[in-house]
Every structure is written in C-alpha cells, then in structure tokens.
C-alpha cells in the first residue's frame, strides 16, 4: 500500500505532528470525501505501508523526522512544488529560495531520486508572462541542480470555483501558443541542469518537444525502488496515470490559500478558525453516531528488503 500524504492538503506543512502521532498509533481514520458517512481505517504500521509519498509546498516541518521514519523502516518519497509566484497567487507559501533549501535537505537525506520538483500549475496573465517563467524556472532549477532528477509541470486546470478569478483577470486559461512557448523555453533550461522534464495530466502529448508524458506517482519509479504497486482503477483526475495510492488527507484543511487550488472550497477565514487536534484519529473532525468504519487492507506483497 502506497500512502499519499497528501493530495488533499499539505500535511508536511500544517499537520505533521498529527501524522507522526498516527504513525505511533499505527493507523489513521479518513473520511471518504464522496460518501461522508463512510470512514476508512488506514493501517500505517511499517509492515502495512510500502511507501509514504509526501506532497508539499513547504516540507520543512517534516525534515526533522525523516531519519526517525527511515530508521523505523519506512520507504519515502517527496514531491515538492516550488513556484516563483508572488503573494497575490500563493499568499502563505514560503519564498522559493526557502523551499529550495528544504528540497536540498530532503535530497541529502533520502537521495536525489526520492524527491521531485513540481512547477505547478503554469499560469499566464498580465504579470506572469514568458519572460517571468524563463527567469523563475531558471532560478529555481539552478538552486536544485544536483538535488533532483525530475521536474514535473502542469498547466492550470480550470474549475467552477475559478470563475470570479477569471472575471477579475487574476486567472485565465493558458493558450496553445503559450503552452508551446513555455515548453520551448524550459526544455533547454531543464536539460542544462540535468533534469528530466515531464508533464502530468495533460491531454496533449508533448514528448516530441522534449517533456515526457509520465505520471507523478508512476510505475517506473516504483519498479526502480522495488516498491509493490497496483494500477489505479479510478483516476484522481482526468488524464491521471498514477499508480494506486491511499490518501490520508482531508480537503479544506490547507492554509496556503493558493488562488488556483482545487482542494479548498471553504473560505480562508473558515479554515483558519478550525481547531485541529494532533492527537485525534482523524486529521479534522470526529466520528459521528451514523458513521460506518471500513478497514483498508495494508501491504499485500513482501518487499525484497524484508528479507535482507
């Protein structure tokens, strides 16, 4: 079982005390976002988890615990989003230099193959033009040289919640011409810094221009790391080719407040006012009398490392 920590929220940034408490307890309760009366008990013991897959914009709170988790026997990998945008777009995300430093620290602990850089999403507007991306992408790539093997980028996915931002001119769809200009610009930069460039969840295959069409949590990596995996039967989003994971996060619990975010629908004030208990079985909320708890099965196959 590969555990996603998490696509729904930034656990490393905001909820890592809770996560470590759940590691100690050996399980977490996770409410199904589609069927809210159904709660899954996800086993988190080292004998049940094939890999912990962390996804974050600010992984610094997790770094002091990585040696401990590794010594316990957990396999780990990180995908860290580092964008050059300003506070108008990512109000509570640390500056890219700070996050790059954290990526380098993780790489030194886990290895450069275990941490990928996400440049995501690619935005275009009056402020963020091609020159902006050329400078920003190049600056970040130079800071991460030798510490990551791969950069994953996606273009903005449009959701209904974006309508007011489109009306205000803060967000808009990226044109086909802008997509090609961006790719032609960043491909030689990534190559110059020794990074593989890949796209995720794009309908168009851009591989003939340089970027590989490769899922973020992919079978190629799992085979290289000796991690058992299963194909995803229900894609997380359109075009997703990731292997199957079990997510232990909860929507509407991230406080980065990125304007393009798909995972937050409640307003910033509502999310900031919520009380989170790091000792709770669930990241947010409590069990109700009508909730149905279903156990998730842990690891099915042994890893080679179990016998060494």
Protein backbone atom coordinates (compact mmCIF):
# COMPACT_ATOMS: atom_id res chain seq x y z
CA UNK A 1 0.00 0.00 0.00
CA UNK A 2 1.35 3.39 -1.06
CA UNK A 3 0.11 6.13 1.25
CA UNK A 4 -0.39 9.61 -0.19
CA UNK A 5 0.40 12.34 2.34
CA UNK A 6 -1.43 14.12 0.69
CA UNK A 7 -3.09 15.38 -2.47
CA UNK A 8 -5.94 16.87 -0.43
CA UNK A 9 -3.94 19.09 1.89
CA UNK A 10 -0.37 19.91 2.85
CA UNK A 11 0.26 17.50 5.72
CA UNK A 12 4.03 18.17 5.92
CA UNK A 13 3.45 21.93 6.23
CA UNK A 14 0.49 22.05 8.61
CA UNK A 15 -0.32 18.66 10.13
CA UNK A 16 2.92 16.76 10.66
CA UNK A 17 2.50 16.46 14.43
CA UNK A 18 -0.81 14.72 13.75
CA UNK A 19 0.86 12.49 11.16
CA UNK A 20 3.64 11.38 13.49
CA UNK A 21 1.09 10.63 16.20
CA UNK A 22 -0.79 8.45 13.72
CA UNK A 23 2.46 6.67 12.83
CA UNK A 24 2.92 5.93 16.53
CA UNK A 25 -0.69 4.71 16.79
CA UNK A 26 -0.34 2.56 13.67
CA UNK A 27 -3.44 3.82 11.84
CA UNK A 28 -5.47 6.87 10.81
CA UNK A 29 -9.18 7.38 10.25
CA UNK A 30 -10.00 9.06 6.94
CA UNK A 31 -13.44 10.30 5.96
CA UNK A 32 -14.48 9.49 2.41
CA UNK A 33 -14.89 12.85 0.64
CA UNK A 34 -17.56 11.47 -1.71
CA UNK A 35 -19.53 9.40 0.81
CA UNK A 36 -19.01 11.34 4.07
CA UNK A 37 -20.70 8.77 6.32
CA UNK A 38 -18.06 6.24 5.33
CA UNK A 39 -14.79 6.36 7.26
CA UNK A 40 -11.74 4.29 6.36
CA UNK A 41 -9.31 2.93 8.93
CA UNK A 42 -5.95 3.10 7.14
CA UNK A 43 -3.16 0.98 8.68
CA UNK A 44 0.11 2.91 8.96
CA UNK A 45 2.40 0.34 10.56
CA UNK A 46 5.68 -0.25 8.77
CA UNK A 47 4.51 -3.77 7.95
CA UNK A 48 1.46 -2.40 6.12
CA UNK A 49 2.96 0.54 4.21
CA UNK A 50 5.03 0.03 1.07
CA UNK A 51 5.82 3.74 0.75
CA UNK A 52 4.94 7.10 2.26
CA UNK A 53 4.54 9.55 -0.62
CA UNK A 54 4.68 13.13 0.64
CA UNK A 55 3.31 16.04 -1.42
CA UNK A 56 4.02 19.55 -0.16
CA UNK A 57 4.73 23.21 -0.84
CA UNK A 58 6.59 23.57 2.48
CA UNK A 59 8.12 20.32 3.73
CA UNK A 60 10.28 21.92 6.42
CA UNK A 61 8.30 20.58 9.43
CA UNK A 62 8.79 17.02 8.13
CA UNK A 63 12.57 17.18 7.77
CA UNK A 64 13.48 16.64 11.47
CA UNK A 65 11.50 13.36 11.41
CA UNK A 66 12.90 11.79 8.24
CA UNK A 67 15.81 10.00 9.90
CA UNK A 68 13.42 8.56 12.51
CA UNK A 69 10.95 7.37 9.87
CA UNK A 70 13.73 5.84 7.79
CA UNK A 71 15.19 4.08 10.84
CA UNK A 72 11.73 2.65 11.54
CA UNK A 73 11.83 1.05 8.09
CA UNK A 74 9.56 3.33 6.06
CA UNK A 75 10.26 3.91 2.37
CA UNK A 76 9.65 7.57 1.47
CA UNK A 77 9.48 9.90 -1.49
CA UNK A 78 8.64 13.60 -1.85
CA UNK A 79 7.14 15.80 -4.50
CA UNK A 80 7.64 19.45 -3.61
CA UNK A 81 6.03 22.29 -5.52
CA UNK A 82 8.35 25.26 -5.98
CA UNK A 83 6.87 28.13 -8.00
CA UNK A 84 8.13 31.70 -8.48
CA UNK A 85 4.71 33.31 -7.93
CA UNK A 86 4.04 36.15 -5.53
CA UNK A 87 1.76 36.63 -2.54
CA UNK A 88 -1.08 37.61 -4.87
CA UNK A 89 -1.20 33.99 -6.02
CA UNK A 90 0.31 31.93 -3.17
CA UNK A 91 -0.33 34.10 -0.08
CA UNK A 92 1.08 31.81 2.60
CA UNK A 93 3.67 29.77 0.72
CA UNK A 94 7.31 30.48 1.70
CA UNK A 95 9.52 32.11 -0.92
CA UNK A 96 11.06 29.77 -3.47
CA UNK A 97 14.57 30.11 -2.03
CA UNK A 98 13.37 28.83 1.35
CA UNK A 99 11.58 25.87 -0.20
CA UNK A 100 14.56 25.06 -2.44
CA UNK A 101 16.75 24.85 0.66
CA UNK A 102 14.30 22.34 2.16
CA UNK A 103 14.34 20.28 -1.05
CA UNK A 104 18.13 20.13 -0.92
CA UNK A 105 18.00 18.92 2.70
CA UNK A 106 15.50 16.17 1.81
CA UNK A 107 17.63 15.13 -1.14
CA UNK A 108 20.68 14.80 1.07
CA UNK A 109 18.76 12.53 3.46
CA UNK A 110 16.75 10.37 1.04
CA UNK A 111 18.67 10.71 -2.23
CA UNK A 112 18.03 12.85 -5.29
CA UNK A 113 15.90 10.15 -6.91
CA UNK A 114 13.45 10.32 -3.99
CA UNK A 115 12.49 13.99 -4.35
CA UNK A 116 10.91 15.57 -7.42
CA UNK A 117 10.29 19.23 -8.14
CA UNK A 118 6.81 20.29 -9.26
CA UNK A 119 6.42 23.53 -11.23
CA UNK A 120 2.68 23.52 -10.97
CA UNK A 121 0.45 25.00 -12.23
CA UNK A 122 1.90 27.03 -15.07
CA UNK A 123 -0.05 30.31 -15.10
CA UNK A 124 -0.13 33.09 -17.66
CA UNK A 125 -1.61 36.55 -17.09
CA UNK A 126 -0.56 40.19 -17.28
CA UNK A 127 2.09 39.62 -14.60
CA UNK A 128 3.20 36.08 -15.33
CA UNK A 129 4.39 36.12 -18.93
CA UNK A 130 7.01 34.07 -20.74
CA UNK A 131 9.90 36.22 -19.52
CA UNK A 132 8.70 35.74 -15.96
CA UNK A 133 8.69 31.94 -16.36
CA UNK A 134 12.06 31.96 -18.11
CA UNK A 135 13.67 33.78 -15.18
CA UNK A 136 11.74 31.99 -12.42
CA UNK A 137 12.12 28.47 -13.78
CA UNK A 138 15.81 29.04 -14.47
CA UNK A 139 16.46 30.44 -11.00
CA UNK A 140 14.76 27.53 -9.23
CA UNK A 141 16.42 24.95 -11.49
CA UNK A 142 19.82 26.42 -10.67
CA UNK A 143 19.10 26.14 -6.93
CA UNK A 144 18.02 22.50 -7.27
CA UNK A 145 20.79 21.37 -9.60
CA UNK A 146 22.22 18.04 -8.46
CA UNK A 147 19.45 17.54 -5.86
CA UNK A 148 16.51 16.43 -8.04
CA UNK A 149 16.38 14.23 -11.13
CA UNK A 150 12.98 15.30 -12.35
CA UNK A 151 10.76 18.34 -12.79
CA UNK A 152 7.03 17.83 -13.32
CA UNK A 153 4.87 20.63 -14.69
CA UNK A 154 1.20 21.04 -15.45
CA UNK A 155 -0.84 23.85 -16.92
CA UNK A 156 -3.74 25.37 -14.99
CA UNK A 157 -6.81 23.14 -14.71
CA UNK A 158 -9.98 25.22 -14.73
CA UNK A 159 -12.67 24.59 -12.10
CA UNK A 160 -16.03 26.28 -11.42
CA UNK A 161 -14.58 27.94 -8.33
CA UNK A 162 -12.18 29.89 -10.58
CA UNK A 163 -14.98 31.90 -12.25
CA UNK A 164 -14.61 35.00 -10.01
CA UNK A 165 -10.84 34.97 -10.54
CA UNK A 166 -11.32 34.75 -14.29
CA UNK A 167 -13.77 37.66 -14.15
CA UNK A 168 -11.25 39.72 -12.16
CA UNK A 169 -8.45 38.90 -14.60
CA UNK A 170 -6.32 37.13 -11.97
CA UNK A 171 -6.53 33.76 -13.72
CA UNK A 172 -7.20 32.70 -17.28
CA UNK A 173 -6.78 29.66 -19.45
CA UNK A 174 -3.34 29.11 -20.95
CA UNK A 175 -3.45 29.30 -24.75
CA UNK A 176 -1.97 26.64 -27.01
CA UNK A 177 0.64 29.12 -28.21
CA UNK A 178 1.64 29.93 -24.62
CA UNK A 179 1.94 26.23 -23.82
CA UNK A 180 4.32 25.68 -26.70
CA UNK A 181 6.31 28.84 -25.90
CA UNK A 182 6.68 27.69 -22.30
CA UNK A 183 7.83 24.20 -23.31
CA UNK A 184 10.35 25.52 -25.84
CA UNK A 185 11.69 27.85 -23.15
CA UNK A 186 12.07 25.44 -20.23
CA UNK A 187 13.23 22.29 -22.04
CA UNK A 188 16.80 23.55 -22.64
CA UNK A 189 16.94 25.02 -19.11
CA UNK A 190 16.00 21.68 -17.52
CA UNK A 191 18.44 19.81 -19.75
CA UNK A 192 21.20 22.25 -18.83
CA UNK A 193 20.71 21.47 -15.15
CA UNK A 194 20.50 17.70 -15.67
CA UNK A 195 16.78 17.32 -15.00
CA UNK A 196 14.20 15.17 -16.76
CA UNK A 197 11.15 17.25 -17.65
CA UNK A 198 7.75 15.60 -17.63
CA UNK A 199 4.10 16.56 -17.88
CA UNK A 200 1.26 15.32 -15.73
CA UNK A 201 -2.48 15.15 -16.55
CA UNK A 202 -2.17 16.84 -19.94
CA UNK A 203 -4.42 15.79 -22.81
CA UNK A 204 -1.72 16.64 -25.34
CA UNK A 205 1.42 14.53 -25.62
CA UNK A 206 4.34 16.98 -25.79
CA UNK A 207 7.04 14.30 -25.74
CA UNK A 208 8.25 15.09 -29.28
CA UNK A 209 9.17 18.57 -27.99
CA UNK A 210 11.13 17.26 -25.01
CA UNK A 211 8.95 16.64 -21.93
CA UNK A 212 7.99 13.03 -21.21
CA UNK A 213 4.36 12.23 -20.55
CA UNK A 214 4.92 10.48 -17.25
CA UNK A 215 2.62 10.24 -14.21
CA UNK A 216 3.79 11.83 -10.96
CA UNK A 217 3.46 8.66 -8.86
CA UNK A 218 4.50 6.26 -11.57
CA UNK A 219 5.18 2.58 -12.07
CA UNK A 220 8.65 3.29 -13.45
CA UNK A 221 9.76 4.80 -10.15
CA UNK A 222 8.14 2.04 -8.12
CA UNK A 223 9.95 -0.63 -10.11
CA UNK A 224 13.26 1.20 -9.72
CA UNK A 225 12.74 1.41 -5.95
CA UNK A 226 11.43 -2.15 -5.56
CA UNK A 227 8.04 -0.95 -4.31
CA UNK A 228 4.99 -3.17 -4.99
CA UNK A 229 2.23 -1.24 -6.73
CA UNK A 230 -1.20 -1.61 -8.32
CA UNK A 231 -2.68 0.28 -11.28
CA UNK A 232 -5.20 2.97 -10.40
CA UNK A 233 -8.74 1.84 -11.22
CA UNK A 234 -10.34 5.25 -10.56
CA UNK A 235 -8.11 8.13 -11.69
CA UNK A 236 -7.79 11.00 -9.23
CA UNK A 237 -8.36 13.49 -12.06
CA UNK A 238 -8.78 13.42 -15.82
CA UNK A 239 -5.66 12.13 -17.52
CA UNK A 240 -4.09 10.83 -14.30
CA UNK A 241 -1.99 7.71 -14.81
CA UNK A 242 -0.60 7.40 -11.27
CA UNK A 243 -0.42 4.07 -9.51
CA UNK A 244 -2.96 3.36 -6.79
CA UNK A 245 -2.48 5.21 -3.52
CA UNK A 246 -4.48 5.63 -0.32
CA UNK A 247 -4.78 9.28 0.71
CA UNK A 248 -4.97 10.13 4.40
CA UNK A 249 -5.59 13.87 4.00
CA UNK A 250 -8.78 15.93 4.16
CA UNK A 251 -9.99 18.69 1.87
CA UNK A 252 -10.40 22.25 3.19
CA UNK A 253 -7.57 21.89 5.71
CA UNK A 254 -4.72 23.64 3.88
CA UNK A 255 -3.78 27.20 4.85
CA UNK A 256 -1.52 28.13 1.93
CA UNK A 257 -4.57 29.86 0.32
CA UNK A 258 -3.29 29.49 -3.25
CA UNK A 259 -5.82 31.15 -5.57
CA UNK A 260 -5.72 28.27 -8.09
CA UNK A 261 -6.22 25.49 -5.52
CA UNK A 262 -8.79 22.77 -6.26
CA UNK A 263 -8.68 21.24 -2.76
CA UNK A 264 -10.11 24.18 -0.80
CA UNK A 265 -13.68 25.34 -1.15
CA UNK A 266 -14.27 26.77 2.31
CA UNK A 267 -13.07 30.34 2.75
CA UNK A 268 -9.73 31.19 4.32
CA UNK A 269 -11.33 32.57 7.50
CA UNK A 270 -13.33 29.37 7.98
CA UNK A 271 -10.29 27.15 7.53
CA UNK A 272 -8.12 29.30 9.81
CA UNK A 273 -10.74 29.21 12.57
CA UNK A 274 -10.90 25.43 12.66
CA UNK A 275 -9.36 23.69 15.63
CA UNK A 276 -7.09 20.77 14.79
CA UNK A 277 -6.23 18.20 17.43
CA UNK A 278 -2.90 16.49 16.69
CA UNK A 279 -3.99 13.64 19.00
CA UNK A 280 -7.15 12.93 17.01
CA UNK A 281 -7.62 9.77 14.97
CA UNK A 282 -8.78 11.95 12.06
CA UNK A 283 -6.96 14.94 10.61
CA UNK A 284 -10.08 17.04 11.09
CA UNK A 285 -13.45 16.33 12.65
CA UNK A 286 -14.72 13.48 14.78
CA UNK A 287 -16.67 10.29 14.33
CA UNK A 288 -20.45 10.57 14.32
CA UNK A 289 -23.02 8.02 15.50
CA UNK A 290 -24.04 7.16 11.93
CA UNK A 291 -20.53 6.76 10.57
CA UNK A 292 -19.55 3.40 9.13
CA UNK A 293 -15.90 2.39 9.60
CA UNK A 294 -14.29 0.19 6.96
CA UNK A 295 -10.80 -1.26 7.26
CA UNK A 296 -8.34 -0.72 4.45
CA UNK A 297 -6.06 -3.66 3.77
CA UNK A 298 -2.35 -2.92 4.12
CA UNK A 299 0.60 -4.36 2.22
CA UNK A 300 -0.20 -7.41 0.11
CA UNK A 301 3.26 -8.33 -1.12
CA UNK A 302 6.59 -8.51 0.61
CA UNK A 303 9.43 -6.22 -0.44
CA UNK A 304 12.86 -7.63 -1.19
CA UNK A 305 14.24 -5.53 1.66
CA UNK A 306 12.10 -7.53 4.11
CA UNK A 307 14.46 -10.46 3.62
CA UNK A 308 17.74 -8.55 3.85
